[in-house]
Amino acid sequence: MNSPLQSLRSRRAAAGVEDIVGVAALIVGAAIALFGLLLLPASLLGGGHVVAIGLSFAVAGALAADIGVDRLGLSDAARRRLALAFGVLAVLLAVAFVVVNYASFSGPIEVSGSESAASALRLAGFGSA
């Protein structure tokens, strides 16, 4: 049978793993959201979608790591459910992003008037004609 001291140590070890995974998810989610902000000038809808993925992943990480959620007054079970819900939302948004972009991708587009590096070097006299 476990003594109270052993159960306290095991709870601390489990909380340590939760905190590490939560902080990692928070950092990765923030990076994804920042990448989405960089995509906004190219595609407003695509960039907004990536920002939503990153933010939901970051919120899931913050809830899992118990960062700043003291003010919300959530129990541990409610905090874990919310972290799981935001994590699932991030995954669903990512899957939807891949499905929508794969369906709308039609292959490379050839742009007339553009030069490749090889033809530019030939024009400059560095290559054989």
N, C-alpha and C. Protein backbone atom coordinates (compact mmCIF):
# COMPACT_ATOMS: atom_id res chain seq x y z
N MET A 1 0.84 -1.18 0.00
CA MET A 1 0.00 0.00 0.00
C MET A 1 0.89 1.24 0.00
N ASN A 2 0.48 2.25 -0.71
CA ASN A 2 1.27 3.48 -0.82
C ASN A 2 1.09 4.34 0.43
N SER A 3 2.20 4.88 0.86
CA SER A 3 2.12 5.82 1.96
C SER A 3 1.72 7.18 1.41
N PRO A 4 1.23 8.07 2.26
CA PRO A 4 0.86 9.41 1.77
C PRO A 4 2.02 10.15 1.15
N LEU A 5 3.23 9.91 1.64
CA LEU A 5 4.40 10.58 1.08
C LEU A 5 4.68 10.10 -0.34
N GLN A 6 4.53 8.78 -0.58
CA GLN A 6 4.74 8.25 -1.92
C GLN A 6 3.70 8.75 -2.90
N SER A 7 2.44 8.83 -2.46
CA SER A 7 1.41 9.32 -3.37
C SER A 7 1.62 10.81 -3.67
N LEU A 8 2.13 11.57 -2.69
CA LEU A 8 2.43 12.98 -2.93
C LEU A 8 3.55 13.11 -3.94
N ARG A 9 4.58 12.25 -3.83
CA ARG A 9 5.69 12.29 -4.79
C ARG A 9 5.21 11.91 -6.19
N SER A 10 4.35 10.91 -6.29
CA SER A 10 3.86 10.51 -7.62
C SER A 10 2.99 11.60 -8.23
N ARG A 11 2.20 12.29 -7.40
CA ARG A 11 1.39 13.39 -7.93
C ARG A 11 2.28 14.54 -8.40
N ARG A 12 3.36 14.81 -7.68
CA ARG A 12 4.29 15.87 -8.10
C ARG A 12 4.98 15.50 -9.40
N ALA A 13 5.36 14.23 -9.55
CA ALA A 13 6.00 13.78 -10.79
C ALA A 13 5.04 13.89 -11.95
N ALA A 14 3.79 13.50 -11.75
CA ALA A 14 2.79 13.60 -12.82
C ALA A 14 2.52 15.06 -13.16
N ALA A 15 2.47 15.91 -12.14
CA ALA A 15 2.26 17.33 -12.40
C ALA A 15 3.44 17.91 -13.15
N GLY A 16 4.65 17.43 -12.88
CA GLY A 16 5.83 17.91 -13.59
C GLY A 16 5.76 17.58 -15.07
N VAL A 17 5.32 16.37 -15.40
CA VAL A 17 5.19 15.98 -16.80
C VAL A 17 4.09 16.80 -17.48
N GLU A 18 2.98 17.00 -16.78
CA GLU A 18 1.90 17.83 -17.34
C GLU A 18 2.39 19.25 -17.61
N ASP A 19 3.17 19.78 -16.68
CA ASP A 19 3.68 21.14 -16.85
C ASP A 19 4.63 21.23 -18.04
N ILE A 20 5.50 20.24 -18.19
CA ILE A 20 6.46 20.26 -19.31
C ILE A 20 5.73 20.17 -20.64
N VAL A 21 4.78 19.24 -20.73
CA VAL A 21 4.02 19.08 -21.98
C VAL A 21 3.17 20.33 -22.24
N GLY A 22 2.59 20.88 -21.19
CA GLY A 22 1.77 22.08 -21.35
C GLY A 22 2.57 23.28 -21.82
N VAL A 23 3.75 23.48 -21.24
CA VAL A 23 4.59 24.60 -21.65
C VAL A 23 5.09 24.40 -23.08
N ALA A 24 5.42 23.16 -23.43
CA ALA A 24 5.83 22.88 -24.82
C ALA A 24 4.69 23.16 -25.79
N ALA A 25 3.48 22.76 -25.43
CA ALA A 25 2.33 23.03 -26.29
C ALA A 25 2.06 24.52 -26.39
N LEU A 26 2.26 25.24 -25.30
CA LEU A 26 2.08 26.69 -25.31
C LEU A 26 3.08 27.36 -26.25
N ILE A 27 4.33 26.93 -26.19
CA ILE A 27 5.36 27.53 -27.05
C ILE A 27 5.11 27.19 -28.51
N VAL A 28 4.79 25.92 -28.79
CA VAL A 28 4.53 25.52 -30.18
C VAL A 28 3.28 26.23 -30.72
N GLY A 29 2.25 26.33 -29.90
CA GLY A 29 1.04 27.03 -30.32
C GLY A 29 1.28 28.50 -30.60
N ALA A 30 2.09 29.14 -29.77
CA ALA A 30 2.41 30.55 -30.02
C ALA A 30 3.22 30.71 -31.30
N ALA A 31 4.13 29.77 -31.56
CA ALA A 31 4.91 29.83 -32.80
C ALA A 31 4.02 29.63 -34.02
N ILE A 32 3.07 28.72 -33.93
CA ILE A 32 2.14 28.50 -35.05
C ILE A 32 1.28 29.75 -35.27
N ALA A 33 0.82 30.36 -34.19
CA ALA A 33 0.01 31.57 -34.32
C ALA A 33 0.83 32.71 -34.94
N LEU A 34 2.09 32.84 -34.56
CA LEU A 34 2.94 33.87 -35.17
C LEU A 34 3.19 33.59 -36.64
N PHE A 35 3.35 32.32 -36.99
CA PHE A 35 3.50 31.95 -38.40
C PHE A 35 2.23 32.30 -39.17
N GLY A 36 1.08 32.09 -38.55
CA GLY A 36 -0.19 32.47 -39.18
C GLY A 36 -0.28 33.97 -39.42
N LEU A 37 0.27 34.76 -38.49
CA LEU A 37 0.29 36.21 -38.70
C LEU A 37 1.16 36.59 -39.89
N LEU A 38 2.24 35.82 -40.10
CA LEU A 38 3.08 36.08 -41.28
C LEU A 38 2.35 35.70 -42.58
N LEU A 39 1.43 34.77 -42.50
CA LEU A 39 0.68 34.35 -43.69
C LEU A 39 -0.47 35.28 -44.05
N LEU A 40 -0.87 36.14 -43.13
CA LEU A 40 -2.03 37.00 -43.37
C LEU A 40 -1.92 37.85 -44.64
N PRO A 41 -0.77 38.47 -44.95
CA PRO A 41 -0.72 39.26 -46.19
C PRO A 41 -0.91 38.41 -47.45
N ALA A 42 -0.49 37.16 -47.43
CA ALA A 42 -0.62 36.30 -48.61
C ALA A 42 -2.04 35.77 -48.75
N SER A 43 -2.62 35.35 -47.64
CA SER A 43 -3.97 34.77 -47.67
C SER A 43 -4.65 35.09 -46.35
N LEU A 44 -5.65 35.93 -46.40
CA LEU A 44 -6.33 36.34 -45.17
C LEU A 44 -7.03 35.15 -44.52
N LEU A 45 -7.72 34.35 -45.31
CA LEU A 45 -8.44 33.21 -44.76
C LEU A 45 -7.49 32.13 -44.26
N GLY A 46 -6.46 31.81 -45.05
CA GLY A 46 -5.50 30.80 -44.64
C GLY A 46 -4.70 31.24 -43.42
N GLY A 47 -4.27 32.49 -43.40
CA GLY A 47 -3.53 33.00 -42.25
C GLY A 47 -4.37 33.01 -40.99
N GLY A 48 -5.63 33.42 -41.13
CA GLY A 48 -6.53 33.42 -39.98
C GLY A 48 -6.78 32.02 -39.45
N HIS A 49 -6.86 31.06 -40.37
CA HIS A 49 -7.04 29.67 -39.98
C HIS A 49 -5.83 29.16 -39.20
N VAL A 50 -4.64 29.48 -39.66
CA VAL A 50 -3.42 29.05 -38.96
C VAL A 50 -3.30 29.74 -37.61
N VAL A 51 -3.68 31.01 -37.52
CA VAL A 51 -3.68 31.72 -36.24
C VAL A 51 -4.64 31.03 -35.27
N ALA A 52 -5.82 30.64 -35.74
CA ALA A 52 -6.80 29.96 -34.88
C ALA A 52 -6.25 28.62 -34.38
N ILE A 53 -5.55 27.89 -35.24
CA ILE A 53 -4.94 26.63 -34.84
C ILE A 53 -3.91 26.89 -33.74
N GLY A 54 -3.05 27.86 -33.95
CA GLY A 54 -2.01 28.17 -32.98
C GLY A 54 -2.56 28.64 -31.65
N LEU A 55 -3.56 29.50 -31.70
CA LEU A 55 -4.14 30.02 -30.45
C LEU A 55 -4.84 28.92 -29.66
N SER A 56 -5.58 28.05 -30.35
CA SER A 56 -6.26 26.98 -29.61
C SER A 56 -5.24 26.00 -29.01
N PHE A 57 -4.15 25.75 -29.72
CA PHE A 57 -3.10 24.89 -29.20
C PHE A 57 -2.41 25.56 -28.01
N ALA A 58 -2.19 26.86 -28.08
CA ALA A 58 -1.55 27.59 -26.98
C ALA A 58 -2.45 27.64 -25.75
N VAL A 59 -3.73 27.82 -25.95
CA VAL A 59 -4.67 27.84 -24.81
C VAL A 59 -4.72 26.46 -24.17
N ALA A 60 -4.71 25.40 -24.99
CA ALA A 60 -4.68 24.05 -24.44
C ALA A 60 -3.42 23.83 -23.61
N GLY A 61 -2.30 24.33 -24.08
CA GLY A 61 -1.05 24.20 -23.33
C GLY A 61 -1.07 24.99 -22.04
N ALA A 62 -1.63 26.19 -22.08
CA ALA A 62 -1.70 27.01 -20.87
C ALA A 62 -2.60 26.37 -19.83
N LEU A 63 -3.70 25.78 -20.28
CA LEU A 63 -4.60 25.10 -19.35
C LEU A 63 -3.95 23.83 -18.80
N ALA A 64 -3.23 23.10 -19.63
CA ALA A 64 -2.59 21.87 -19.17
C ALA A 64 -1.48 22.16 -18.18
N ALA A 65 -0.75 23.24 -18.38
CA ALA A 65 0.36 23.59 -17.50
C ALA A 65 -0.08 24.40 -16.29
N ASP A 66 -1.37 24.72 -16.22
CA ASP A 66 -1.92 25.49 -15.11
C ASP A 66 -1.26 26.86 -15.01
N ILE A 67 -1.09 27.50 -16.18
CA ILE A 67 -0.46 28.81 -16.24
C ILE A 67 -1.56 29.88 -16.27
N GLY A 68 -1.66 30.64 -15.25
CA GLY A 68 -2.59 31.76 -15.21
C GLY A 68 -4.05 31.39 -15.15
N VAL A 69 -4.38 30.17 -14.78
CA VAL A 69 -5.79 29.79 -14.73
C VAL A 69 -6.34 29.85 -13.31
N ASP A 70 -5.54 30.33 -12.37
CA ASP A 70 -6.02 30.47 -10.99
C ASP A 70 -7.18 31.45 -10.91
N ARG A 71 -7.15 32.44 -11.76
CA ARG A 71 -8.19 33.47 -11.73
C ARG A 71 -9.53 32.95 -12.24
N LEU A 72 -9.50 31.86 -13.01
CA LEU A 72 -10.74 31.32 -13.55
C LEU A 72 -11.50 30.50 -12.53
N GLY A 73 -10.84 30.04 -11.50
CA GLY A 73 -11.50 29.27 -10.46
C GLY A 73 -11.98 27.91 -10.93
N LEU A 74 -11.20 27.24 -11.77
CA LEU A 74 -11.59 25.94 -12.30
C LEU A 74 -11.04 24.82 -11.42
N SER A 75 -11.81 23.77 -11.32
CA SER A 75 -11.29 22.59 -10.64
C SER A 75 -10.30 21.89 -11.56
N ASP A 76 -9.54 20.95 -11.00
CA ASP A 76 -8.56 20.23 -11.82
C ASP A 76 -9.23 19.44 -12.94
N ALA A 77 -10.37 18.83 -12.65
CA ALA A 77 -11.08 18.05 -13.67
C ALA A 77 -11.59 18.96 -14.79
N ALA A 78 -12.12 20.12 -14.43
CA ALA A 78 -12.63 21.05 -15.45
C ALA A 78 -11.48 21.62 -16.28
N ARG A 79 -10.36 21.89 -15.63
CA ARG A 79 -9.19 22.40 -16.34
C ARG A 79 -8.67 21.38 -17.35
N ARG A 80 -8.62 20.11 -16.93
CA ARG A 80 -8.16 19.06 -17.84
C ARG A 80 -9.12 18.87 -19.00
N ARG A 81 -10.43 18.94 -18.73
CA ARG A 81 -11.43 18.81 -19.81
C ARG A 81 -11.30 19.96 -20.80
N LEU A 82 -11.11 21.17 -20.31
CA LEU A 82 -10.94 22.31 -21.21
C LEU A 82 -9.65 22.21 -22.01
N ALA A 83 -8.57 21.76 -21.38
CA ALA A 83 -7.31 21.59 -22.10
C ALA A 83 -7.48 20.55 -23.20
N LEU A 84 -8.16 19.46 -22.90
CA LEU A 84 -8.41 18.43 -23.91
C LEU A 84 -9.31 18.96 -25.02
N ALA A 85 -10.32 19.74 -24.66
CA ALA A 85 -11.22 20.30 -25.67
C ALA A 85 -10.49 21.24 -26.61
N PHE A 86 -9.64 22.10 -26.08
CA PHE A 86 -8.89 23.02 -26.94
C PHE A 86 -7.86 22.27 -27.78
N GLY A 87 -7.29 21.21 -27.23
CA GLY A 87 -6.36 20.39 -28.01
C GLY A 87 -7.06 19.70 -29.17
N VAL A 88 -8.24 19.15 -28.90
CA VAL A 88 -9.03 18.51 -29.97
C VAL A 88 -9.45 19.54 -31.00
N LEU A 89 -9.82 20.74 -30.56
CA LEU A 89 -10.17 21.80 -31.50
C LEU A 89 -8.99 22.15 -32.40
N ALA A 90 -7.80 22.22 -31.83
CA ALA A 90 -6.60 22.52 -32.63
C ALA A 90 -6.37 21.43 -33.67
N VAL A 91 -6.52 20.18 -33.28
CA VAL A 91 -6.32 19.08 -34.23
C VAL A 91 -7.39 19.11 -35.32
N LEU A 92 -8.64 19.34 -34.96
CA LEU A 92 -9.71 19.41 -35.96
C LEU A 92 -9.50 20.57 -36.93
N LEU A 93 -9.07 21.71 -36.42
CA LEU A 93 -8.79 22.85 -37.30
C LEU A 93 -7.62 22.54 -38.23
N ALA A 94 -6.61 21.86 -37.73
CA ALA A 94 -5.46 21.50 -38.57
C ALA A 94 -5.87 20.51 -39.66
N VAL A 95 -6.69 19.54 -39.31
CA VAL A 95 -7.16 18.57 -40.30
C VAL A 95 -8.02 19.27 -41.35
N ALA A 96 -8.89 20.17 -40.92
CA ALA A 96 -9.72 20.91 -41.87
C ALA A 96 -8.86 21.77 -42.79
N PHE A 97 -7.80 22.36 -42.24
CA PHE A 97 -6.90 23.18 -43.05
C PHE A 97 -6.24 22.34 -44.13
N VAL A 98 -5.76 21.16 -43.76
CA VAL A 98 -5.11 20.28 -44.74
C VAL A 98 -6.10 19.82 -45.80
N VAL A 99 -7.30 19.44 -45.38
CA VAL A 99 -8.31 18.95 -46.34
C VAL A 99 -8.70 20.05 -47.30
N VAL A 100 -8.96 21.24 -46.81
CA VAL A 100 -9.38 22.34 -47.68
C VAL A 100 -8.26 22.75 -48.62
N ASN A 101 -7.04 22.84 -48.13
CA ASN A 101 -5.94 23.25 -49.00
C ASN A 101 -5.55 22.17 -49.99
N TYR A 102 -5.68 20.90 -49.62
CA TYR A 102 -5.37 19.83 -50.56
C TYR A 102 -6.41 19.81 -51.68
N ALA A 103 -7.66 20.04 -51.33
CA ALA A 103 -8.72 20.02 -52.34
C ALA A 103 -8.60 21.21 -53.29
N SER A 104 -8.07 22.33 -52.82
CA SER A 104 -7.99 23.52 -53.66
C SER A 104 -6.64 23.66 -54.36
N PHE A 105 -5.71 22.75 -54.11
CA PHE A 105 -4.39 22.82 -54.73
C PHE A 105 -4.46 22.19 -56.11
N SER A 106 -4.08 22.95 -57.13
CA SER A 106 -4.19 22.45 -58.50
C SER A 106 -2.84 22.22 -59.16
N GLY A 107 -1.78 22.33 -58.43
CA GLY A 107 -0.46 22.10 -59.00
C GLY A 107 0.26 23.42 -59.25
N PRO A 108 1.47 23.31 -59.79
CA PRO A 108 2.25 24.52 -60.03
C PRO A 108 1.64 25.36 -61.15
N ILE A 109 1.77 26.64 -61.01
CA ILE A 109 1.25 27.58 -62.01
C ILE A 109 2.43 28.18 -62.74
N GLU A 110 2.40 28.10 -64.05
CA GLU A 110 3.49 28.65 -64.84
C GLU A 110 3.20 30.13 -65.10
N VAL A 111 4.17 30.95 -64.73
CA VAL A 111 4.03 32.38 -64.90
C VAL A 111 4.84 32.80 -66.11
N SER A 112 4.20 33.45 -67.07
CA SER A 112 4.92 33.86 -68.26
C SER A 112 5.76 35.11 -67.97
N GLY A 113 6.91 35.18 -68.62
CA GLY A 113 7.77 36.34 -68.46
C GLY A 113 8.79 36.20 -67.35
N SER A 114 8.69 35.17 -66.55
CA SER A 114 9.68 35.00 -65.49
C SER A 114 10.84 34.19 -66.03
N GLU A 115 12.00 34.45 -65.50
CA GLU A 115 13.20 33.76 -65.95
C GLU A 115 13.74 32.88 -64.85
N SER A 116 14.26 31.76 -65.24
CA SER A 116 14.91 30.91 -64.26
C SER A 116 16.33 31.41 -64.05
N ALA A 117 17.00 30.89 -63.06
CA ALA A 117 18.37 31.30 -62.77
C ALA A 117 19.30 30.91 -63.91
N ALA A 118 19.07 29.75 -64.52
CA ALA A 118 19.93 29.29 -65.62
C ALA A 118 19.80 30.21 -66.83
N SER A 119 18.58 30.60 -67.17
CA SER A 119 18.42 31.47 -68.34
C SER A 119 18.94 32.88 -68.05
N ALA A 120 18.87 33.32 -66.81
CA ALA A 120 19.42 34.62 -66.45
C ALA A 120 20.93 34.61 -66.57
N LEU A 121 21.57 33.51 -66.17
CA LEU A 121 23.02 33.40 -66.31
C LEU A 121 23.43 33.34 -67.78
N ARG A 122 22.62 32.65 -68.62
CA ARG A 122 22.94 32.60 -70.05
C ARG A 122 22.84 33.99 -70.66
N LEU A 123 21.84 34.75 -70.27
CA LEU A 123 21.69 36.10 -70.79
C LEU A 123 22.85 36.99 -70.35
N ALA A 124 23.38 36.75 -69.18
CA ALA A 124 24.50 37.55 -68.69
C ALA A 124 25.83 37.12 -69.32
N GLY A 125 25.85 36.02 -70.07
CA GLY A 125 27.06 35.61 -70.75
C GLY A 125 27.89 34.61 -69.96
N PHE A 126 27.34 34.04 -68.91
CA PHE A 126 28.09 33.10 -68.09
C PHE A 126 27.93 31.65 -68.56
N GLY A 127 26.99 31.39 -69.41
CA GLY A 127 26.75 30.02 -69.82
C GLY A 127 26.79 29.92 -71.33
N SER A 128 26.70 28.68 -71.81
CA SER A 128 26.69 28.50 -73.27
C SER A 128 25.30 28.82 -73.80
N ALA A 129 25.29 29.32 -75.01
CA ALA A 129 24.02 29.73 -75.61
C ALA A 129 23.36 28.59 -76.20
